Amino acid sequence: MAYSLHVDSVQQVVWDSLPPSLGEELSLALFQATEDPHGTTVPYGADDGVTRLLITQRFLVMFLMNDQAQRLTIIQITVL
């Protein structure tokens, strides 16, 4: 079952400000992360089971992952 994705207003502004091709690339990467968060992300820092990092050629996206609620919360989007 896919995880839900929560994006706060600040991160939504970052996402919305991307050129269309990058926005689509980010959307696809985030979709894949919601389908398989453990397989598409890596632990961020010490593996606390909560803070995860999605790494692509153009983005770093930091998440808080709640397995019980099956929810990913974006806390930072970095464009490389």
N, C-alpha and C. Protein backbone atom coordinates (compact mmCIF):
# COMPACT_ATOMS: atom_id res chain seq x y z
N MET A 1 0.84 -1.18 0.00
CA MET A 1 0.00 0.00 0.00
C MET A 1 0.88 1.24 0.00
N ALA A 2 0.55 2.20 -0.82
CA ALA A 2 1.35 3.42 -0.96
C ALA A 2 1.23 4.30 0.28
N TYR A 3 2.29 5.00 0.56
CA TYR A 3 2.31 5.97 1.64
C TYR A 3 1.70 7.27 1.12
N SER A 4 1.11 8.03 2.03
CA SER A 4 0.63 9.37 1.65
C SER A 4 1.80 10.34 1.76
N LEU A 5 1.69 11.45 1.06
CA LEU A 5 2.75 12.44 1.03
C LEU A 5 2.21 13.75 1.61
N HIS A 6 2.92 14.29 2.59
CA HIS A 6 2.55 15.57 3.18
C HIS A 6 3.62 16.59 2.78
N VAL A 7 3.16 17.72 2.26
CA VAL A 7 4.07 18.79 1.84
C VAL A 7 3.58 20.07 2.50
N ASP A 8 4.44 20.69 3.33
CA ASP A 8 4.02 21.94 3.95
C ASP A 8 4.09 23.08 2.94
N SER A 9 3.60 24.23 3.32
CA SER A 9 3.50 25.36 2.37
C SER A 9 4.86 25.84 1.89
N VAL A 10 5.87 25.79 2.73
CA VAL A 10 7.21 26.24 2.32
C VAL A 10 7.78 25.33 1.25
N GLN A 11 7.70 24.02 1.48
CA GLN A 11 8.23 23.07 0.50
C GLN A 11 7.38 23.06 -0.77
N GLN A 12 6.10 23.35 -0.64
CA GLN A 12 5.23 23.44 -1.83
C GLN A 12 5.66 24.60 -2.71
N VAL A 13 6.07 25.72 -2.10
CA VAL A 13 6.57 26.87 -2.87
C VAL A 13 7.84 26.49 -3.63
N VAL A 14 8.73 25.76 -2.97
CA VAL A 14 9.96 25.30 -3.63
C VAL A 14 9.60 24.42 -4.83
N TRP A 15 8.73 23.47 -4.62
CA TRP A 15 8.32 22.54 -5.68
C TRP A 15 7.66 23.30 -6.83
N ASP A 16 6.74 24.21 -6.49
CA ASP A 16 6.03 24.97 -7.52
C ASP A 16 6.92 25.92 -8.30
N SER A 17 8.04 26.32 -7.71
CA SER A 17 8.94 27.28 -8.38
C SER A 17 9.88 26.61 -9.38
N LEU A 18 9.90 25.30 -9.41
CA LEU A 18 10.78 24.59 -10.34
C LEU A 18 10.29 24.74 -11.77
N PRO A 19 11.23 24.78 -12.73
CA PRO A 19 10.81 24.73 -14.13
C PRO A 19 10.01 23.45 -14.38
N PRO A 20 9.09 23.48 -15.35
CA PRO A 20 8.21 22.32 -15.57
C PRO A 20 8.93 20.97 -15.67
N SER A 21 10.03 20.91 -16.37
CA SER A 21 10.71 19.61 -16.53
C SER A 21 11.25 19.10 -15.19
N LEU A 22 11.79 19.99 -14.38
CA LEU A 22 12.28 19.57 -13.06
C LEU A 22 11.13 19.24 -12.12
N GLY A 23 10.04 19.99 -12.21
CA GLY A 23 8.87 19.71 -11.39
C GLY A 23 8.31 18.33 -11.69
N GLU A 24 8.28 17.96 -12.96
CA GLU A 24 7.80 16.63 -13.35
C GLU A 24 8.75 15.54 -12.86
N GLU A 25 10.04 15.81 -12.96
CA GLU A 25 11.03 14.84 -12.49
C GLU A 25 10.89 14.62 -10.98
N LEU A 26 10.69 15.71 -10.24
CA LEU A 26 10.50 15.60 -8.79
C LEU A 26 9.21 14.86 -8.48
N SER A 27 8.15 15.16 -9.20
CA SER A 27 6.87 14.49 -8.98
C SER A 27 7.00 12.98 -9.17
N LEU A 28 7.70 12.57 -10.22
CA LEU A 28 7.89 11.14 -10.49
C LEU A 28 8.71 10.49 -9.37
N ALA A 29 9.78 11.15 -8.95
CA ALA A 29 10.62 10.60 -7.88
C ALA A 29 9.83 10.47 -6.58
N LEU A 30 8.99 11.47 -6.29
CA LEU A 30 8.18 11.42 -5.07
C LEU A 30 7.11 10.33 -5.16
N PHE A 31 6.54 10.15 -6.34
CA PHE A 31 5.58 9.07 -6.52
C PHE A 31 6.24 7.73 -6.24
N GLN A 32 7.43 7.53 -6.79
CA GLN A 32 8.15 6.27 -6.56
C GLN A 32 8.46 6.08 -5.08
N ALA A 33 8.79 7.18 -4.39
CA ALA A 33 9.07 7.10 -2.95
C ALA A 33 7.83 6.70 -2.17
N THR A 34 6.66 7.18 -2.57
CA THR A 34 5.45 6.79 -1.85
C THR A 34 5.10 5.33 -2.09
N GLU A 35 5.47 4.80 -3.24
CA GLU A 35 5.20 3.40 -3.56
C GLU A 35 6.14 2.45 -2.83
N ASP A 36 7.40 2.86 -2.64
CA ASP A 36 8.40 2.01 -1.99
C ASP A 36 9.39 2.88 -1.21
N PRO A 37 8.97 3.44 -0.09
CA PRO A 37 9.84 4.38 0.62
C PRO A 37 11.14 3.77 1.15
N HIS A 38 11.09 2.51 1.55
CA HIS A 38 12.31 1.87 2.06
C HIS A 38 13.29 1.54 0.94
N GLY A 39 12.77 1.26 -0.24
CA GLY A 39 13.63 0.90 -1.37
C GLY A 39 14.18 2.08 -2.14
N THR A 40 13.53 3.23 -2.05
CA THR A 40 13.96 4.39 -2.84
C THR A 40 14.66 5.46 -2.01
N THR A 41 14.69 5.28 -0.69
CA THR A 41 15.35 6.26 0.18
C THR A 41 16.40 5.57 1.03
N VAL A 42 17.26 6.38 1.61
CA VAL A 42 18.31 5.87 2.50
C VAL A 42 18.19 6.61 3.84
N PRO A 43 18.71 6.00 4.91
CA PRO A 43 18.70 6.71 6.19
C PRO A 43 19.49 8.02 6.08
N TYR A 44 19.02 9.03 6.80
CA TYR A 44 19.74 10.30 6.85
C TYR A 44 20.44 10.36 8.20
N GLY A 45 21.76 10.39 8.17
CA GLY A 45 22.52 10.38 9.42
C GLY A 45 22.40 9.01 10.08
N ALA A 46 22.24 9.03 11.40
CA ALA A 46 22.06 7.78 12.14
C ALA A 46 20.71 7.19 11.74
N ASP A 47 20.68 5.90 11.54
CA ASP A 47 19.44 5.25 11.09
C ASP A 47 18.46 5.16 12.25
N ASP A 48 17.64 6.20 12.36
CA ASP A 48 16.63 6.24 13.42
C ASP A 48 15.30 5.66 12.96
N GLY A 49 15.23 5.24 11.70
CA GLY A 49 14.00 4.68 11.16
C GLY A 49 12.96 5.72 10.81
N VAL A 50 13.29 6.99 10.97
CA VAL A 50 12.33 8.06 10.74
C VAL A 50 12.80 9.02 9.66
N THR A 51 14.02 9.50 9.77
CA THR A 51 14.54 10.50 8.84
C THR A 51 15.20 9.79 7.67
N ARG A 52 14.68 10.07 6.47
CA ARG A 52 15.15 9.39 5.26
C ARG A 52 15.49 10.41 4.20
N LEU A 53 16.33 10.02 3.24
CA LEU A 53 16.78 10.89 2.17
C LEU A 53 16.56 10.21 0.83
N LEU A 54 15.88 10.92 -0.06
CA LEU A 54 15.71 10.49 -1.44
C LEU A 54 16.78 11.20 -2.26
N ILE A 55 17.59 10.43 -2.96
CA ILE A 55 18.70 11.00 -3.72
C ILE A 55 18.49 10.68 -5.20
N THR A 56 18.44 11.74 -6.03
CA THR A 56 18.39 11.57 -7.48
C THR A 56 19.55 12.36 -8.06
N GLN A 57 19.67 12.37 -9.37
CA GLN A 57 20.75 13.14 -10.00
C GLN A 57 20.55 14.64 -9.81
N ARG A 58 19.31 15.08 -9.60
CA ARG A 58 19.04 16.52 -9.51
C ARG A 58 18.47 16.98 -8.18
N PHE A 59 18.11 16.04 -7.30
CA PHE A 59 17.45 16.42 -6.05
C PHE A 59 17.95 15.62 -4.87
N LEU A 60 17.87 16.26 -3.71
CA LEU A 60 17.94 15.60 -2.41
C LEU A 60 16.65 15.99 -1.71
N VAL A 61 15.89 15.02 -1.28
CA VAL A 61 14.64 15.31 -0.58
C VAL A 61 14.69 14.59 0.76
N MET A 62 14.60 15.36 1.84
CA MET A 62 14.62 14.80 3.18
C MET A 62 13.18 14.61 3.65
N PHE A 63 12.92 13.43 4.20
CA PHE A 63 11.59 13.05 4.68
C PHE A 63 11.62 12.69 6.15
N LEU A 64 10.48 12.83 6.76
CA LEU A 64 10.18 12.12 8.00
C LEU A 64 9.24 11.00 7.58
N MET A 65 9.56 9.78 7.95
CA MET A 65 8.76 8.64 7.53
C MET A 65 8.06 8.04 8.75
N ASN A 66 6.75 7.92 8.64
CA ASN A 66 5.94 7.32 9.70
C ASN A 66 5.36 6.03 9.14
N ASP A 67 5.97 4.91 9.50
CA ASP A 67 5.53 3.62 8.98
C ASP A 67 4.14 3.25 9.49
N GLN A 68 3.85 3.59 10.73
CA GLN A 68 2.55 3.23 11.30
C GLN A 68 1.41 3.93 10.56
N ALA A 69 1.58 5.23 10.28
CA ALA A 69 0.55 5.99 9.57
C ALA A 69 0.71 5.90 8.05
N GLN A 70 1.81 5.27 7.61
CA GLN A 70 2.16 5.17 6.18
C GLN A 70 2.14 6.57 5.55
N ARG A 71 2.98 7.43 6.11
CA ARG A 71 3.02 8.82 5.67
C ARG A 71 4.47 9.30 5.54
N LEU A 72 4.75 10.01 4.45
CA LEU A 72 6.02 10.68 4.25
C LEU A 72 5.77 12.18 4.34
N THR A 73 6.58 12.85 5.14
CA THR A 73 6.48 14.30 5.27
C THR A 73 7.78 14.90 4.75
N ILE A 74 7.68 15.72 3.72
CA ILE A 74 8.87 16.37 3.17
C ILE A 74 9.29 17.49 4.12
N ILE A 75 10.57 17.47 4.52
CA ILE A 75 11.06 18.56 5.36
C ILE A 75 12.08 19.44 4.63
N GLN A 76 12.61 18.95 3.52
CA GLN A 76 13.52 19.79 2.73
C GLN A 76 13.66 19.24 1.33
N ILE A 77 13.63 20.15 0.35
CA ILE A 77 13.90 19.83 -1.04
C ILE A 77 15.12 20.64 -1.45
N THR A 78 16.16 19.95 -1.90
CA THR A 78 17.37 20.61 -2.35
C THR A 78 17.57 20.27 -3.83
N VAL A 79 17.72 21.30 -4.65
CA VAL A 79 18.00 21.11 -6.07
C VAL A 79 19.51 21.14 -6.24
N LEU A 80 20.05 20.13 -6.89
CA LEU A 80 21.50 20.05 -7.08
C LEU A 80 21.93 20.75 -8.34
